[in-house]
Amino acid sequence: MKKVFTLVLIVLCIAFIGTAIAAAQSQKLSTKQVLVDRNNDTKIDGIDVYDENGKVAKRGYDTNNDMVIDKWETYDENTGMPIATESDKAFELR
């Protein structure tokens, strides 16, 4: 039960952080976000943020499996290709 509570709390924190960052980055982004398990280990390790047209606007990655998004990719709305990558500076120093 403790593990389930911890996992739910972590997922809610990731969703909140993703929402805050997406809202701050652009007024054009919708609030539609999908939590994803990119490596199929049953743990949430990413967030996909979609724009109002249903295209991926940003993708967040947990690259070191600590349940915190530490890398973001922003996608071009016309081509769908990544145009910018941001990483957590604290993560880069480890």
PDB file of N, CA and C in Angstrom:
ATOM      1  N   MET A   1       0.824  -1.184   0.000  1.00  0.00           N
ATOM      2  CA  MET A   1       0.000   0.000   0.000  1.00  0.00           C
ATOM      3  C   MET A   1       0.875   1.257   0.000  1.00  0.00           C
ATOM      4  N   LYS A   2       1.971   1.209   0.745  1.00  0.00           N
ATOM      5  CA  LYS A   2       2.879   2.351   0.812  1.00  0.00           C
ATOM      6  C   LYS A   2       3.490   2.644  -0.560  1.00  0.00           C
ATOM      7  N   LYS A   3       3.838   1.589  -1.309  1.00  0.00           N
ATOM      8  CA  LYS A   3       4.419   1.768  -2.640  1.00  0.00           C
ATOM      9  C   LYS A   3       3.412   2.396  -3.593  1.00  0.00           C
ATOM     10  N   VAL A   4       2.154   1.974  -3.504  1.00  0.00           N
ATOM     11  CA  VAL A   4       1.113   2.521  -4.369  1.00  0.00           C
ATOM     12  C   VAL A   4       0.921   4.006  -4.067  1.00  0.00           C
ATOM     13  N   PHE A   5       0.848   4.353  -2.785  1.00  0.00           N
ATOM     14  CA  PHE A   5       0.690   5.753  -2.395  1.00  0.00           C
ATOM     15  C   PHE A   5       1.862   6.584  -2.898  1.00  0.00           C
ATOM     16  N   THR A   6       3.076   6.076  -2.747  1.00  0.00           N
ATOM     17  CA  THR A   6       4.266   6.791  -3.198  1.00  0.00           C
ATOM     18  C   THR A   6       4.235   6.999  -4.708  1.00  0.00           C
ATOM     19  N   LEU A   7       3.867   5.962  -5.451  1.00  0.00           N
ATOM     20  CA  LEU A   7       3.805   6.060  -6.905  1.00  0.00           C
ATOM     21  C   LEU A   7       2.757   7.083  -7.336  1.00  0.00           C
ATOM     22  N   VAL A   8       1.586   7.058  -6.717  1.00  0.00           N
ATOM     23  CA  VAL A   8       0.537   8.023  -7.046  1.00  0.00           C
ATOM     24  C   VAL A   8       1.011   9.441  -6.748  1.00  0.00           C
ATOM     25  N   LEU A   9       1.659   9.636  -5.629  1.00  0.00           N
ATOM     26  CA  LEU A   9       2.176  10.951  -5.266  1.00  0.00           C
ATOM     27  C   LEU A   9       3.210  11.435  -6.276  1.00  0.00           C
ATOM     28  N   ILE A  10       4.090  10.572  -6.698  1.00  0.00           N
ATOM     29  CA  ILE A  10       5.122  10.931  -7.678  1.00  0.00           C
ATOM     30  C   ILE A  10       4.491  11.293  -9.015  1.00  0.00           C
ATOM     31  N   VAL A  11       3.516  10.501  -9.446  1.00  0.00           N
ATOM     32  CA  VAL A  11       2.837  10.773 -10.725  1.00  0.00           C
ATOM     33  C   VAL A  11       2.143  12.131 -10.673  1.00  0.00           C
ATOM     34  N   LEU A  12       1.488  12.428  -9.568  1.00  0.00           N
ATOM     35  CA  LEU A  12       0.825  13.720  -9.434  1.00  0.00           C
ATOM     36  C   LEU A  12       1.833  14.872  -9.457  1.00  0.00           C
ATOM     37  N   CYS A  13       2.975  14.681  -8.813  1.00  0.00           N
ATOM     38  CA  CYS A  13       4.020  15.710  -8.834  1.00  0.00           C
ATOM     39  C   CYS A  13       4.556  15.935 -10.235  1.00  0.00           C
ATOM     40  N   ILE A  14       4.799  14.861 -10.961  1.00  0.00           N
ATOM     41  CA  ILE A  14       5.293  14.979 -12.342  1.00  0.00           C
ATOM     42  C   ILE A  14       4.266  15.704 -13.196  1.00  0.00           C
ATOM     43  N   ALA A  15       2.998  15.348 -13.056  1.00  0.00           N
ATOM     44  CA  ALA A  15       1.947  16.000 -13.833  1.00  0.00           C
ATOM     45  C   ALA A  15       1.863  17.488 -13.501  1.00  0.00           C
ATOM     46  N   PHE A  16       1.973  17.843 -12.230  1.00  0.00           N
ATOM     47  CA  PHE A  16       1.919  19.240 -11.821  1.00  0.00           C
ATOM     48  C   PHE A  16       3.089  20.024 -12.395  1.00  0.00           C
ATOM     49  N   ILE A  17       4.282  19.467 -12.311  1.00  0.00           N
ATOM     50  CA  ILE A  17       5.474  20.147 -12.828  1.00  0.00           C
ATOM     51  C   ILE A  17       5.357  20.334 -14.337  1.00  0.00           C
ATOM     52  N   GLY A  18       4.932  19.295 -15.027  1.00  0.00           N
ATOM     53  CA  GLY A  18       4.766  19.386 -16.477  1.00  0.00           C
ATOM     54  C   GLY A  18       3.758  20.444 -16.873  1.00  0.00           C
ATOM     55  N   THR A  19       2.653  20.518 -16.140  1.00  0.00           N
ATOM     56  CA  THR A  19       1.633  21.518 -16.419  1.00  0.00           C
ATOM     57  C   THR A  19       2.176  22.918 -16.205  1.00  0.00           C
ATOM     58  N   ALA A  20       2.895  23.129 -15.118  1.00  0.00           N
ATOM     59  CA  ALA A  20       3.443  24.446 -14.814  1.00  0.00           C
ATOM     60  C   ALA A  20       4.446  24.887 -15.874  1.00  0.00           C
ATOM     61  N   ILE A  21       5.320  23.989 -16.282  1.00  0.00           N
ATOM     62  CA  ILE A  21       6.339  24.340 -17.282  1.00  0.00           C
ATOM     63  C   ILE A  21       5.692  24.612 -18.630  1.00  0.00           C
ATOM     64  N   ALA A  22       4.758  23.749 -19.041  1.00  0.00           N
ATOM     65  CA  ALA A  22       4.095  23.940 -20.330  1.00  0.00           C
ATOM     66  C   ALA A  22       3.321  25.250 -20.369  1.00  0.00           C
ATOM     67  N   ALA A  23       2.637  25.591 -19.288  1.00  0.00           N
ATOM     68  CA  ALA A  23       1.870  26.835 -19.246  1.00  0.00           C
ATOM     69  C   ALA A  23       2.791  28.042 -19.294  1.00  0.00           C
ATOM     70  N   ALA A  24       3.932  27.951 -18.641  1.00  0.00           N
ATOM     71  CA  ALA A  24       4.870  29.070 -18.632  1.00  0.00           C
ATOM     72  C   ALA A  24       5.553  29.253 -19.981  1.00  0.00           C
ATOM     73  N   GLN A  25       5.768  28.172 -20.711  1.00  0.00           N
ATOM     74  CA  GLN A  25       6.489  28.236 -21.977  1.00  0.00           C
ATOM     75  C   GLN A  25       5.668  28.886 -23.083  1.00  0.00           C
ATOM     76  N   SER A  26       4.368  28.609 -23.138  1.00  0.00           N
ATOM     77  CA  SER A  26       3.581  29.103 -24.260  1.00  0.00           C
ATOM     78  C   SER A  26       2.100  29.127 -23.916  1.00  0.00           C
ATOM     79  N   GLN A  27       1.435  30.171 -24.324  1.00  0.00           N
ATOM     80  CA  GLN A  27      -0.006  30.247 -24.122  1.00  0.00           C
ATOM     81  C   GLN A  27      -0.734  29.370 -25.134  1.00  0.00           C
ATOM     82  N   LYS A  28      -0.067  28.968 -26.224  1.00  0.00           N
ATOM     83  CA  LYS A  28      -0.695  28.165 -27.260  1.00  0.00           C
ATOM     84  C   LYS A  28      -0.878  26.710 -26.846  1.00  0.00           C
ATOM     85  N   LEU A  29      -0.132  26.239 -25.858  1.00  0.00           N
ATOM     86  CA  LEU A  29      -0.204  24.837 -25.485  1.00  0.00           C
ATOM     87  C   LEU A  29      -1.490  24.543 -24.732  1.00  0.00           C
ATOM     88  N   SER A  30      -2.106  23.449 -25.078  1.00  0.00           N
ATOM     89  CA  SER A  30      -3.275  23.019 -24.323  1.00  0.00           C
ATOM     90  C   SER A  30      -2.797  22.310 -23.065  1.00  0.00           C
ATOM     91  N   THR A  31      -3.735  21.919 -22.229  1.00  0.00           N
ATOM     92  CA  THR A  31      -3.363  21.222 -21.007  1.00  0.00           C
ATOM     93  C   THR A  31      -3.358  19.710 -21.199  1.00  0.00           C
ATOM     94  N   LYS A  32      -3.517  19.236 -22.438  1.00  0.00           N
ATOM     95  CA  LYS A  32      -3.534  17.798 -22.664  1.00  0.00           C
ATOM     96  C   LYS A  32      -2.122  17.239 -22.531  1.00  0.00           C
ATOM     97  N   GLN A  33      -1.971  16.377 -21.553  1.00  0.00           N
ATOM     98  CA  GLN A  33      -0.688  15.735 -21.307  1.00  0.00           C
ATOM     99  C   GLN A  33      -0.917  14.247 -21.125  1.00  0.00           C
ATOM    100  N   VAL A  34       0.072  13.486 -21.535  1.00  0.00           N
ATOM    101  CA  VAL A  34       0.005  12.039 -21.376  1.00  0.00           C
ATOM    102  C   VAL A  34       1.268  11.588 -20.650  1.00  0.00           C
ATOM    103  N   LEU A  35       1.086  10.920 -19.521  1.00  0.00           N
ATOM    104  CA  LEU A  35       2.220  10.327 -18.809  1.00  0.00           C
ATOM    105  C   LEU A  35       2.567   9.024 -19.503  1.00  0.00           C
ATOM    106  N   VAL A  36       3.851   8.779 -19.731  1.00  0.00           N
ATOM    107  CA  VAL A  36       4.265   7.607 -20.504  1.00  0.00           C
ATOM    108  C   VAL A  36       5.359   6.814 -19.800  1.00  0.00           C
ATOM    109  N   ASP A  37       5.385   5.542 -20.122  1.00  0.00           N
ATOM    110  CA  ASP A  37       6.440   4.627 -19.682  1.00  0.00           C
ATOM    111  C   ASP A  37       7.249   4.312 -20.931  1.00  0.00           C
ATOM    112  N   ARG A  38       8.306   5.053 -21.169  1.00  0.00           N
ATOM    113  CA  ARG A  38       9.066   4.934 -22.421  1.00  0.00           C
ATOM    114  C   ARG A  38       9.885   3.646 -22.524  1.00  0.00           C
ATOM    115  N   ASN A  39      10.312   3.089 -21.389  1.00  0.00           N
ATOM    116  CA  ASN A  39      11.156   1.892 -21.446  1.00  0.00           C
ATOM    117  C   ASN A  39      10.435   0.633 -20.964  1.00  0.00           C
ATOM    118  N   ASN A  40       9.117   0.689 -20.804  1.00  0.00           N
ATOM    119  CA  ASN A  40       8.291  -0.467 -20.445  1.00  0.00           C
ATOM    120  C   ASN A  40       8.718  -1.173 -19.164  1.00  0.00           C
ATOM    121  N   ASP A  41       9.089  -0.385 -18.143  1.00  0.00           N
ATOM    122  CA  ASP A  41       9.435  -0.988 -16.853  1.00  0.00           C
ATOM    123  C   ASP A  41       8.337  -0.770 -15.815  1.00  0.00           C
ATOM    124  N   THR A  42       7.155  -0.383 -16.271  1.00  0.00           N
ATOM    125  CA  THR A  42       5.954  -0.109 -15.462  1.00  0.00           C
ATOM    126  C   THR A  42       6.085   1.137 -14.592  1.00  0.00           C
ATOM    127  N   LYS A  43       7.080   1.985 -14.837  1.00  0.00           N
ATOM    128  CA  LYS A  43       7.231   3.243 -14.103  1.00  0.00           C
ATOM    129  C   LYS A  43       7.093   4.403 -15.073  1.00  0.00           C
ATOM    130  N   ILE A  44       6.400   5.442 -14.647  1.00  0.00           N
ATOM    131  CA  ILE A  44       6.264   6.632 -15.476  1.00  0.00           C
ATOM    132  C   ILE A  44       7.633   7.298 -15.593  1.00  0.00           C
ATOM    133  N   ASP A  45       8.072   7.517 -16.833  1.00  0.00           N
ATOM    134  CA  ASP A  45       9.372   8.159 -17.028  1.00  0.00           C
ATOM    135  C   ASP A  45       9.332   9.228 -18.118  1.00  0.00           C
ATOM    136  N   GLY A  46       8.131   9.733 -18.383  1.00  0.00           N
ATOM    137  CA  GLY A  46       8.036  10.795 -19.368  1.00  0.00           C
ATOM    138  C   GLY A  46       6.659  11.413 -19.418  1.00  0.00           C
ATOM    139  N   ILE A  47       6.600  12.579 -20.044  1.00  0.00           N
ATOM    140  CA  ILE A  47       5.354  13.302 -20.262  1.00  0.00           C
ATOM    141  C   ILE A  47       5.359  13.796 -21.705  1.00  0.00           C
ATOM    142  N   ASP A  48       4.256  13.574 -22.411  1.00  0.00           N
ATOM    143  CA  ASP A  48       4.066  14.155 -23.737  1.00  0.00           C
ATOM    144  C   ASP A  48       3.010  15.238 -23.612  1.00  0.00           C
ATOM    145  N   VAL A  49       3.321  16.444 -24.111  1.00  0.00           N
ATOM    146  CA  VAL A  49       2.404  17.579 -24.066  1.00  0.00           C
ATOM    147  C   VAL A  49       1.960  17.864 -25.495  1.00  0.00           C
ATOM    148  N   TYR A  50       0.642  17.921 -25.693  1.00  0.00           N
ATOM    149  CA  TYR A  50       0.082  18.122 -27.025  1.00  0.00           C
ATOM    150  C   TYR A  50      -0.502  19.523 -27.164  1.00  0.00           C
ATOM    151  N   ASP A  51      -0.422  20.078 -28.391  1.00  0.00           N
ATOM    152  CA  ASP A  51      -1.025  21.381 -28.638  1.00  0.00           C
ATOM    153  C   ASP A  51      -2.510  21.209 -28.952  1.00  0.00           C
ATOM    154  N   GLU A  52      -3.177  22.323 -29.261  1.00  0.00           N
ATOM    155  CA  GLU A  52      -4.619  22.273 -29.502  1.00  0.00           C
ATOM    156  C   GLU A  52      -4.994  21.502 -30.762  1.00  0.00           C
ATOM    157  N   ASN A  53      -4.015  21.240 -31.647  1.00  0.00           N
ATOM    158  CA  ASN A  53      -4.262  20.465 -32.866  1.00  0.00           C
ATOM    159  C   ASN A  53      -3.946  18.983 -32.699  1.00  0.00           C
ATOM    160  N   GLY A  54      -3.543  18.581 -31.503  1.00  0.00           N
ATOM    161  CA  GLY A  54      -3.235  17.179 -31.252  1.00  0.00           C
ATOM    162  C   GLY A  54      -1.817  16.765 -31.623  1.00  0.00           C
ATOM    163  N   LYS A  55      -0.965  17.742 -31.943  1.00  0.00           N
ATOM    164  CA  LYS A  55       0.428  17.445 -32.272  1.00  0.00           C
ATOM    165  C   LYS A  55       1.285  17.545 -31.015  1.00  0.00           C
ATOM    166  N   VAL A  56       2.349  16.749 -30.959  1.00  0.00           N
ATOM    167  CA  VAL A  56       3.260  16.816 -29.817  1.00  0.00           C
ATOM    168  C   VAL A  56       3.976  18.162 -29.835  1.00  0.00           C
ATOM    169  N   ALA A  57       3.853  18.905 -28.740  1.00  0.00           N
ATOM    170  CA  ALA A  57       4.518  20.199 -28.611  1.00  0.00           C
ATOM    171  C   ALA A  57       5.806  20.051 -27.808  1.00  0.00           C
ATOM    172  N   LYS A  58       5.766  19.214 -26.759  1.00  0.00           N
ATOM    173  CA  LYS A  58       6.939  18.987 -25.904  1.00  0.00           C
ATOM    174  C   LYS A  58       6.915  17.541 -25.428  1.00  0.00           C
ATOM    175  N   ARG A  59       8.104  17.030 -25.166  1.00  0.00           N
ATOM    176  CA  ARG A  59       8.247  15.723 -24.533  1.00  0.00           C
ATOM    177  C   ARG A  59       9.227  15.869 -23.383  1.00  0.00           C
ATOM    178  N   GLY A  60       8.840  15.328 -22.241  1.00  0.00           N
ATOM    179  CA  GLY A  60       9.708  15.335 -21.077  1.00  0.00           C
ATOM    180  C   GLY A  60      10.220  13.942 -20.805  1.00  0.00           C
ATOM    181  N   TYR A  61      11.470  13.841 -20.376  1.00  0.00           N
ATOM    182  CA  TYR A  61      12.110  12.553 -20.139  1.00  0.00           C
ATOM    183  C   TYR A  61      12.732  12.509 -18.747  1.00  0.00           C
ATOM    184  N   ASP A  62      12.588  11.369 -18.085  1.00  0.00           N
ATOM    185  CA  ASP A  62      13.329  11.080 -16.857  1.00  0.00           C
ATOM    186  C   ASP A  62      14.483  10.182 -17.294  1.00  0.00           C
ATOM    187  N   THR A  63      15.651  10.768 -17.478  1.00  0.00           N
ATOM    188  CA  THR A  63      16.757  10.019 -18.078  1.00  0.00           C
ATOM    189  C   THR A  63      17.576   9.208 -17.078  1.00  0.00           C
ATOM    190  N   ASN A  64      17.358   9.444 -15.777  1.00  0.00           N
ATOM    191  CA  ASN A  64      18.149   8.700 -14.794  1.00  0.00           C
ATOM    192  C   ASN A  64      17.287   7.917 -13.801  1.00  0.00           C
ATOM    193  N   ASN A  65      16.022   7.694 -14.154  1.00  0.00           N
ATOM    194  CA  ASN A  65      15.105   6.845 -13.379  1.00  0.00           C
ATOM    195  C   ASN A  65      14.910   7.287 -11.935  1.00  0.00           C
ATOM    196  N   ASP A  66      14.894   8.624 -11.692  1.00  0.00           N
ATOM    197  CA  ASP A  66      14.630   9.097 -10.336  1.00  0.00           C
ATOM    198  C   ASP A  66      13.218   9.675 -10.205  1.00  0.00           C
ATOM    199  N   MET A  67      12.375   9.437 -11.206  1.00  0.00           N
ATOM    200  CA  MET A  67      10.981   9.875 -11.238  1.00  0.00           C
ATOM    201  C   MET A  67      10.840  11.398 -11.312  1.00  0.00           C
ATOM    202  N   VAL A  68      11.858  12.080 -11.840  1.00  0.00           N
ATOM    203  CA  VAL A  68      11.822  13.527 -12.028  1.00  0.00           C
ATOM    204  C   VAL A  68      12.197  13.806 -13.484  1.00  0.00           C
ATOM    205  N   ILE A  69      11.393  14.617 -14.157  1.00  0.00           N
ATOM    206  CA  ILE A  69      11.684  14.975 -15.538  1.00  0.00           C
ATOM    207  C   ILE A  69      12.916  15.876 -15.546  1.00  0.00           C
ATOM    208  N   ASP A  70      13.969  15.443 -16.251  1.00  0.00           N
ATOM    209  CA  ASP A  70      15.199  16.223 -16.267  1.00  0.00           C
ATOM    210  C   ASP A  70      15.640  16.621 -17.673  1.00  0.00           C
ATOM    211  N   LYS A  71      14.819  16.290 -18.670  1.00  0.00           N
ATOM    212  CA  LYS A  71      15.134  16.690 -20.043  1.00  0.00           C
ATOM    213  C   LYS A  71      13.821  16.984 -20.762  1.00  0.00           C
ATOM    214  N   TRP A  72      13.769  18.105 -21.484  1.00  0.00           N
ATOM    215  CA  TRP A  72      12.595  18.481 -22.267  1.00  0.00           C
ATOM    216  C   TRP A  72      12.995  18.696 -23.709  1.00  0.00           C
ATOM    217  N   GLU A  73      12.193  18.213 -24.641  1.00  0.00           N
ATOM    218  CA  GLU A  73      12.369  18.486 -26.068  1.00  0.00           C
ATOM    219  C   GLU A  73      11.149  19.266 -26.535  1.00  0.00           C
ATOM    220  N   THR A  74      11.389  20.364 -27.239  1.00  0.00           N
ATOM    221  CA  THR A  74      10.318  21.161 -27.825  1.00  0.00           C
ATOM    222  C   THR A  74      10.279  20.862 -29.315  1.00  0.00           C
ATOM    223  N   TYR A  75       9.062  20.695 -29.854  1.00  0.00           N
ATOM    224  CA  TYR A  75       8.885  20.299 -31.246  1.00  0.00           C
ATOM    225  C   TYR A  75       8.321  21.441 -32.085  1.00  0.00           C
ATOM    226  N   ASP A  76       8.770  21.532 -33.344  1.00  0.00           N
ATOM    227  CA  ASP A  76       8.272  22.517 -34.294  1.00  0.00           C
ATOM    228  C   ASP A  76       6.826  22.181 -34.642  1.00  0.00           C
ATOM    229  N   GLU A  77       5.944  23.179 -34.579  1.00  0.00           N
ATOM    230  CA  GLU A  77       4.530  22.914 -34.836  1.00  0.00           C
ATOM    231  C   GLU A  77       4.232  22.589 -36.291  1.00  0.00           C
ATOM    232  N   ASN A  78       5.108  22.984 -37.219  1.00  0.00           N
ATOM    233  CA  ASN A  78       4.884  22.710 -38.642  1.00  0.00           C
ATOM    234  C   ASN A  78       5.469  21.375 -39.088  1.00  0.00           C
ATOM    235  N   THR A  79       6.699  21.086 -38.655  1.00  0.00           N
ATOM    236  CA  THR A  79       7.373  19.874 -39.140  1.00  0.00           C
ATOM    237  C   THR A  79       7.267  18.703 -38.172  1.00  0.00           C
ATOM    238  N   GLY A  80       7.004  18.986 -36.896  1.00  0.00           N
ATOM    239  CA  GLY A  80       6.967  17.912 -35.901  1.00  0.00           C
ATOM    240  C   GLY A  80       8.345  17.434 -35.478  1.00  0.00           C
ATOM    241  N   MET A  81       9.382  18.136 -35.924  1.00  0.00           N
ATOM    242  CA  MET A  81      10.751  17.766 -35.588  1.00  0.00           C
ATOM    243  C   MET A  81      11.199  18.509 -34.324  1.00  0.00           C
ATOM    244  N   PRO A  82      12.086  17.886 -33.519  1.00  0.00           N
ATOM    245  CA  PRO A  82      12.596  18.585 -32.327  1.00  0.00           C
ATOM    246  C   PRO A  82      13.379  19.832 -32.719  1.00  0.00           C
ATOM    247  N   ILE A  83      13.128  20.932 -32.006  1.00  0.00           N
ATOM    248  CA  ILE A  83      13.840  22.175 -32.322  1.00  0.00           C
ATOM    249  C   ILE A  83      14.664  22.679 -31.140  1.00  0.00           C
ATOM    250  N   ALA A  84      14.388  22.197 -29.930  1.00  0.00           N
ATOM    251  CA  ALA A  84      15.153  22.640 -28.758  1.00  0.00           C
ATOM    252  C   ALA A  84      15.142  21.539 -27.711  1.00  0.00           C
ATOM    253  N   THR A  85      16.250  21.426 -27.001  1.00  0.00           N
ATOM    254  CA  THR A  85      16.349  20.477 -25.899  1.00  0.00           C
ATOM    255  C   THR A  85      16.868  21.223 -24.684  1.00  0.00           C
ATOM    256  N   GLU A  86      16.186  21.022 -23.557  1.00  0.00           N
ATOM    257  CA  GLU A  86      16.599  21.635 -22.299  1.00  0.00           C
ATOM    258  C   GLU A  86      16.833  20.527 -21.294  1.00  0.00           C
ATOM    259  N   SER A  87      17.917  20.644 -20.540  1.00  0.00           N
ATOM    260  CA  SER A  87      18.225  19.662 -19.507  1.00  0.00           C
ATOM    261  C   SER A  87      18.363  20.355 -18.165  1.00  0.00           C
ATOM    262  N   ASP A  88      18.066  19.624 -17.133  1.00  0.00           N
ATOM    263  CA  ASP A  88      18.235  20.107 -15.766  1.00  0.00           C
ATOM    264  C   ASP A  88      19.733  20.253 -15.506  1.00  0.00           C
ATOM    265  N   LYS A  89      20.165  21.456 -15.184  1.00  0.00           N
ATOM    266  CA  LYS A  89      21.594  21.699 -14.973  1.00  0.00           C
ATOM    267  C   LYS A  89      22.146  20.894 -13.815  1.00  0.00           C
ATOM    268  N   ALA A  90      21.365  20.677 -12.767  1.00  0.00           N
ATOM    269  CA  ALA A  90      21.827  19.876 -11.637  1.00  0.00           C
ATOM    270  C   ALA A  90      22.097  18.442 -12.073  1.00  0.00           C
ATOM    271  N   PHE A  91      21.259  17.933 -12.977  1.00  0.00           N
ATOM    272  CA  PHE A  91      21.450  16.584 -13.490  1.00  0.00           C
ATOM    273  C   PHE A  91      22.760  16.484 -14.272  1.00  0.00           C
ATOM    274  N   GLU A  92      23.076  17.511 -15.071  1.00  0.00           N
ATOM    275  CA  GLU A  92      24.276  17.492 -15.896  1.00  0.00           C
ATOM    276  C   GLU A  92      25.546  17.483 -15.052  1.00  0.00           C
ATOM    277  N   LEU A  93      25.503  18.003 -13.835  1.00  0.00           N
ATOM    278  CA  LEU A  93      26.688  18.072 -12.989  1.00  0.00           C
ATOM    279  C   LEU A  93      26.997  16.750 -12.303  1.00  0.00           C
ATOM    280  N   ARG A  94      26.071  15.804 -12.286  1.00  0.00           N
ATOM    281  CA  ARG A  94      26.291  14.525 -11.606  1.00  0.00           C
ATOM    282  C   ARG A  94      27.198  13.630 -12.375  1.00  0.00           C
TER     283      ARG A  94
END
